[in-house]
PDB file of N, CA and C in Angstrom:
ATOM      1  N   MET A   1     -47.293  -5.264 -28.263  1.00  0.00           N
ATOM      2  CA  MET A   1     -46.253  -5.155 -28.978  1.00  0.00           C
ATOM      3  C   MET A   1     -44.697  -4.569 -27.972  1.00  0.00           C
ATOM      4  N   ASN A   2     -45.242  -3.386 -27.485  1.00  0.00           N
ATOM      5  CA  ASN A   2     -44.474  -2.369 -26.704  1.00  0.00           C
ATOM      6  C   ASN A   2     -43.964  -2.986 -25.635  1.00  0.00           C
ATOM      7  N   MET A   3     -44.787  -3.984 -25.152  1.00  0.00           N
ATOM      8  CA  MET A   3     -44.922  -4.743 -23.382  1.00  0.00           C
ATOM      9  C   MET A   3     -43.481  -5.028 -23.642  1.00  0.00           C
ATOM     10  N   LEU A   4     -43.297  -6.251 -24.778  1.00  0.00           N
ATOM     11  CA  LEU A   4     -42.113  -6.839 -24.976  1.00  0.00           C
ATOM     12  C   LEU A   4     -40.753  -6.337 -24.785  1.00  0.00           C
ATOM     13  N   ILE A   5     -40.624  -4.919 -24.889  1.00  0.00           N
ATOM     14  CA  ILE A   5     -39.550  -4.503 -24.690  1.00  0.00           C
ATOM     15  C   ILE A   5     -39.264  -4.181 -22.947  1.00  0.00           C
ATOM     16  N   TYR A   6     -40.142  -4.218 -22.256  1.00  0.00           N
ATOM     17  CA  TYR A   6     -39.974  -4.432 -20.791  1.00  0.00           C
ATOM     18  C   TYR A   6     -39.822  -6.026 -20.118  1.00  0.00           C
ATOM     19  N   LEU A   7     -40.746  -7.036 -20.811  1.00  0.00           N
ATOM     20  CA  LEU A   7     -40.935  -8.154 -20.543  1.00  0.00           C
ATOM     21  C   LEU A   7     -39.468  -8.937 -20.722  1.00  0.00           C
ATOM     22  N   ILE A   8     -38.928  -8.705 -21.668  1.00  0.00           N
ATOM     23  CA  ILE A   8     -37.770  -9.720 -22.263  1.00  0.00           C
ATOM     24  C   ILE A   8     -36.720  -9.720 -21.641  1.00  0.00           C
ATOM     25  N   PRO A   9     -36.087  -8.437 -21.017  1.00  0.00           N
ATOM     26  CA  PRO A   9     -35.190  -7.615 -20.356  1.00  0.00           C
ATOM     27  C   PRO A   9     -35.486  -8.440 -18.730  1.00  0.00           C
ATOM     28  N   ILE A  10     -36.497  -7.986 -18.326  1.00  0.00           N
ATOM     29  CA  ILE A  10     -37.034  -8.776 -16.927  1.00  0.00           C
ATOM     30  C   ILE A  10     -36.754 -10.521 -16.995  1.00  0.00           C
ATOM     31  N   ALA A  11     -37.453 -11.160 -18.027  1.00  0.00           N
ATOM     32  CA  ALA A  11     -37.322 -12.213 -18.190  1.00  0.00           C
ATOM     33  C   ALA A  11     -35.621 -12.991 -18.537  1.00  0.00           C
ATOM     34  N   LEU A  12     -34.974 -12.155 -18.781  1.00  0.00           N
ATOM     35  CA  LEU A  12     -33.382 -12.331 -18.944  1.00  0.00           C
ATOM     36  C   LEU A  12     -32.567 -12.608 -17.273  1.00  0.00           C
ATOM     37  N   PHE A  13     -32.893 -11.075 -17.088  1.00  0.00           N
ATOM     38  CA  PHE A  13     -32.543 -11.009 -15.559  1.00  0.00           C
ATOM     39  C   PHE A  13     -32.918 -11.822 -14.607  1.00  0.00           C
ATOM     40  N   MET A  14     -34.358 -12.380 -14.699  1.00  0.00           N
ATOM     41  CA  MET A  14     -34.847 -13.378 -13.779  1.00  0.00           C
ATOM     42  C   MET A  14     -34.142 -14.852 -14.022  1.00  0.00           C
ATOM     43  N   GLY A  15     -33.824 -14.931 -15.534  1.00  0.00           N
ATOM     44  CA  GLY A  15     -32.844 -16.120 -15.673  1.00  0.00           C
ATOM     45  C   GLY A  15     -31.760 -16.049 -15.255  1.00  0.00           C
ATOM     46  N   GLY A  16     -31.089 -15.062 -15.200  1.00  0.00           N
ATOM     47  CA  GLY A  16     -29.539 -14.780 -14.648  1.00  0.00           C
ATOM     48  C   GLY A  16     -29.623 -14.830 -13.233  1.00  0.00           C
ATOM     49  N   ILE A  17     -30.434 -14.504 -12.747  1.00  0.00           N
ATOM     50  CA  ILE A  17     -30.579 -14.636 -11.104  1.00  0.00           C
ATOM     51  C   ILE A  17     -30.861 -16.181 -10.458  1.00  0.00           C
ATOM     52  N   GLY A  18     -31.501 -16.644 -11.423  1.00  0.00           N
ATOM     53  CA  GLY A  18     -31.560 -18.225 -11.535  1.00  0.00           C
ATOM     54  C   GLY A  18     -30.488 -18.878 -11.656  1.00  0.00           C
ATOM     55  N   LEU A  19     -29.649 -18.586 -12.639  1.00  0.00           N
ATOM     56  CA  LEU A  19     -28.563 -19.433 -13.059  1.00  0.00           C
ATOM     57  C   LEU A  19     -27.257 -19.039 -11.833  1.00  0.00           C
ATOM     58  N   ALA A  20     -27.011 -17.688 -11.274  1.00  0.00           N
ATOM     59  CA  ALA A  20     -26.801 -17.300 -10.484  1.00  0.00           C
ATOM     60  C   ALA A  20     -26.749 -18.176  -8.988  1.00  0.00           C
ATOM     61  N   ALA A  21     -27.851 -18.307  -8.913  1.00  0.00           N
ATOM     62  CA  ALA A  21     -28.287 -19.272  -7.427  1.00  0.00           C
ATOM     63  C   ALA A  21     -27.959 -20.904  -7.646  1.00  0.00           C
ATOM     64  N   PHE A  22     -28.481 -21.063  -9.102  1.00  0.00           N
ATOM     65  CA  PHE A  22     -27.779 -22.900  -9.264  1.00  0.00           C
ATOM     66  C   PHE A  22     -26.066 -22.718  -8.988  1.00  0.00           C
ATOM     67  N   LEU A  23     -25.446 -21.630  -9.984  1.00  0.00           N
ATOM     68  CA  LEU A  23     -24.001 -21.811  -9.596  1.00  0.00           C
ATOM     69  C   LEU A  23     -23.558 -21.321  -8.403  1.00  0.00           C
ATOM     70  N   TRP A  24     -23.990 -20.809  -7.909  1.00  0.00           N
ATOM     71  CA  TRP A  24     -23.525 -20.273  -5.907  1.00  0.00           C
ATOM     72  C   TRP A  24     -23.828 -21.939  -5.215  1.00  0.00           C
ATOM     73  N   SER A  25     -25.099 -22.643  -5.420  1.00  0.00           N
ATOM     74  CA  SER A  25     -25.423 -23.744  -4.491  1.00  0.00           C
ATOM     75  C   SER A  25     -24.074 -24.892  -5.155  1.00  0.00           C
ATOM     76  N   LEU A  26     -23.492 -24.805  -6.208  1.00  0.00           N
ATOM     77  CA  LEU A  26     -22.818 -25.808  -6.710  1.00  0.00           C
ATOM     78  C   LEU A  26     -21.374 -25.562  -6.006  1.00  0.00           C
ATOM     79  N   GLY A  27     -21.151 -24.323  -6.149  1.00  0.00           N
ATOM     80  CA  GLY A  27     -19.871 -23.980  -5.296  1.00  0.00           C
ATOM     81  C   GLY A  27     -19.869 -24.123  -4.084  1.00  0.00           C
ATOM     82  N   ASN A  28     -21.112 -24.061  -2.745  1.00  0.00           N
ATOM     83  CA  ASN A  28     -21.089 -24.044  -1.649  1.00  0.00           C
ATOM     84  C   ASN A  28     -21.500 -25.411  -1.238  1.00  0.00           C
ATOM     85  N   GLY A  29     -21.505 -26.562  -2.360  1.00  0.00           N
ATOM     86  CA  GLY A  29     -21.434 -28.110  -1.792  1.00  0.00           C
ATOM     87  C   GLY A  29     -22.767 -28.636  -1.239  1.00  0.00           C
ATOM     88  N   GLN A  30     -23.777 -27.878  -2.096  1.00  0.00           N
ATOM     89  CA  GLN A  30     -25.280 -28.233  -1.764  1.00  0.00           C
ATOM     90  C   GLN A  30     -25.638 -29.808  -2.315  1.00  0.00           C
ATOM     91  N   TYR A  31     -24.967 -30.375  -3.769  1.00  0.00           N
ATOM     92  CA  TYR A  31     -25.005 -31.607  -4.018  1.00  0.00           C
ATOM     93  C   TYR A  31     -23.957 -32.223  -3.849  1.00  0.00           C
ATOM     94  N   ASP A  32     -23.024 -32.386  -2.672  1.00  0.00           N
ATOM     95  CA  ASP A  32     -22.136 -33.345  -2.931  1.00  0.00           C
ATOM     96  C   ASP A  32     -22.170 -34.407  -2.114  1.00  0.00           C
ATOM     97  N   ASP A  33     -23.780 -34.781  -1.343  1.00  0.00           N
ATOM     98  CA  ASP A  33     -24.016 -35.406  -1.005  1.00  0.00           C
ATOM     99  C   ASP A  33     -25.564 -36.140  -0.962  1.00  0.00           C
ATOM    100  N   LEU A  34     -25.762 -36.750  -2.374  1.00  0.00           N
ATOM    101  CA  LEU A  34     -26.719 -36.943  -2.625  1.00  0.00           C
ATOM    102  C   LEU A  34     -27.235 -38.265  -1.978  1.00  0.00           C
ATOM    103  N   GLN A  35     -26.846 -39.432  -1.884  1.00  0.00           N
ATOM    104  CA  GLN A  35     -27.492 -40.509  -1.106  1.00  0.00           C
ATOM    105  C   GLN A  35     -27.304 -40.224  -0.019  1.00  0.00           C
ATOM    106  N   GLY A  36     -26.722 -39.535   0.852  1.00  0.00           N
ATOM    107  CA  GLY A  36     -26.953 -39.433   2.561  1.00  0.00           C
ATOM    108  C   GLY A  36     -28.299 -38.924   2.681  1.00  0.00           C
ATOM    109  N   ALA A  37     -29.322 -37.920   2.214  1.00  0.00           N
ATOM    110  CA  ALA A  37     -30.558 -37.277   2.624  1.00  0.00           C
ATOM    111  C   ALA A  37     -31.592 -38.570   2.006  1.00  0.00           C
ATOM    112  N   ALA A  38     -31.256 -39.320   0.788  1.00  0.00           N
ATOM    113  CA  ALA A  38     -32.315 -40.819   0.688  1.00  0.00           C
ATOM    114  C   ALA A  38     -32.020 -41.580   1.487  1.00  0.00           C
ATOM    115  N   TRP A  39     -30.604 -41.688   2.529  1.00  0.00           N
ATOM    116  CA  TRP A  39     -30.885 -43.013   3.478  1.00  0.00           C
ATOM    117  C   TRP A  39     -30.936 -42.159   4.445  1.00  0.00           C
ATOM    118  N   ARG A  40     -31.221 -41.254   4.880  1.00  0.00           N
ATOM    119  CA  ARG A  40     -31.752 -40.217   6.321  1.00  0.00           C
ATOM    120  C   ARG A  40     -33.061 -40.538   6.628  1.00  0.00           C
ATOM    121  N   VAL A  41     -34.141 -40.561   5.127  1.00  0.00           N
ATOM    122  CA  VAL A  41     -35.320 -40.953   5.155  1.00  0.00           C
ATOM    123  C   VAL A  41     -35.676 -41.890   5.803  1.00  0.00           C
ATOM    124  N   LEU A  42     -34.789 -42.761   5.385  1.00  0.00           N
ATOM    125  CA  LEU A  42     -35.414 -44.538   5.825  1.00  0.00           C
ATOM    126  C   LEU A  42     -34.516 -44.794   7.182  1.00  0.00           C
ATOM    127  N   ALA A  43     -33.748 -43.692   7.307  1.00  0.00           N
ATOM    128  CA  ALA A  43     -33.053 -44.177   9.188  1.00  0.00           C
ATOM    129  C   ALA A  43     -34.074 -44.208  10.155  1.00  0.00           C
ATOM    130  N   ASP A  44     -33.892 -45.111  11.448  1.00  0.00           N
ATOM    131  CA  ASP A  44     -35.282 -45.452  12.222  1.00  0.00           C
ATOM    132  C   ASP A  44     -34.567 -44.545  13.530  1.00  0.00           C
ATOM    133  N   ASP A  45     -35.210 -42.995  13.477  1.00  0.00           N
ATOM    134  CA  ASP A  45     -34.840 -42.391  14.620  1.00  0.00           C
ATOM    135  C   ASP A  45     -35.583 -42.733  15.558  1.00  0.00           C
ATOM    136  N   GLU A  46     -35.015 -42.636  17.032  1.00  0.00           N
ATOM    137  CA  GLU A  46     -35.701 -42.689  18.301  1.00  0.00           C
ATOM    138  C   GLU A  46     -36.170 -41.647  18.765  1.00  0.00           C
ATOM    139  N   SER A  47     -36.022 -39.795  18.113  1.00  0.00           N
ATOM    140  CA  SER A  47     -36.205 -38.913  18.639  1.00  0.00           C
ATOM    141  C   SER A  47     -37.468 -38.032  18.252  1.00  0.00           C
ATOM    142  N   GLY A  48     -38.187 -39.060  17.772  1.00  0.00           N
ATOM    143  CA  GLY A  48     -39.741 -38.601  17.320  1.00  0.00           C
ATOM    144  C   GLY A  48     -40.650 -38.006  18.351  1.00  0.00           C
ATOM    145  N   PRO A  49     -41.806 -37.910  17.793  1.00  0.00           N
ATOM    146  CA  PRO A  49     -42.785 -37.416  19.170  1.00  0.00           C
ATOM    147  C   PRO A  49     -43.040 -38.168  20.135  1.00  0.00           C
ATOM    148  N   PRO A  50     -43.262 -38.068  21.123  1.00  0.00           N
ATOM    149  CA  PRO A  50     -43.568 -38.821  22.424  1.00  0.00           C
ATOM    150  C   PRO A  50     -44.716 -39.789  22.292  1.00  0.00           C
ATOM    151  N   LYS A  51     -44.569 -40.824  22.424  1.00  0.00           N
ATOM    152  CA  LYS A  51     -45.705 -41.870  22.348  1.00  0.00           C
ATOM    153  C   LYS A  51     -46.730 -41.848  23.917  1.00  0.00           C
ATOM    154  N   SER A  52     -48.022 -41.717  23.365  1.00  0.00           N
ATOM    155  CA  SER A  52     -49.023 -41.396  24.677  1.00  0.00           C
ATOM    156  C   SER A  52     -49.532 -42.724  24.585  1.00  0.00           C
TER     157      SER A  52
END
């Protein structure tokens, strides 16, 4: 039971860090172009590895 005194604040702190990182990523535009990454996967690049 004494261990909960340490574990609950640590869990709340780590959750706060995760929330802060998510809000930071929203503020920096990480989620602005969701369709671009999906189309880049399908794009036909010629800059791949050289063919033997």
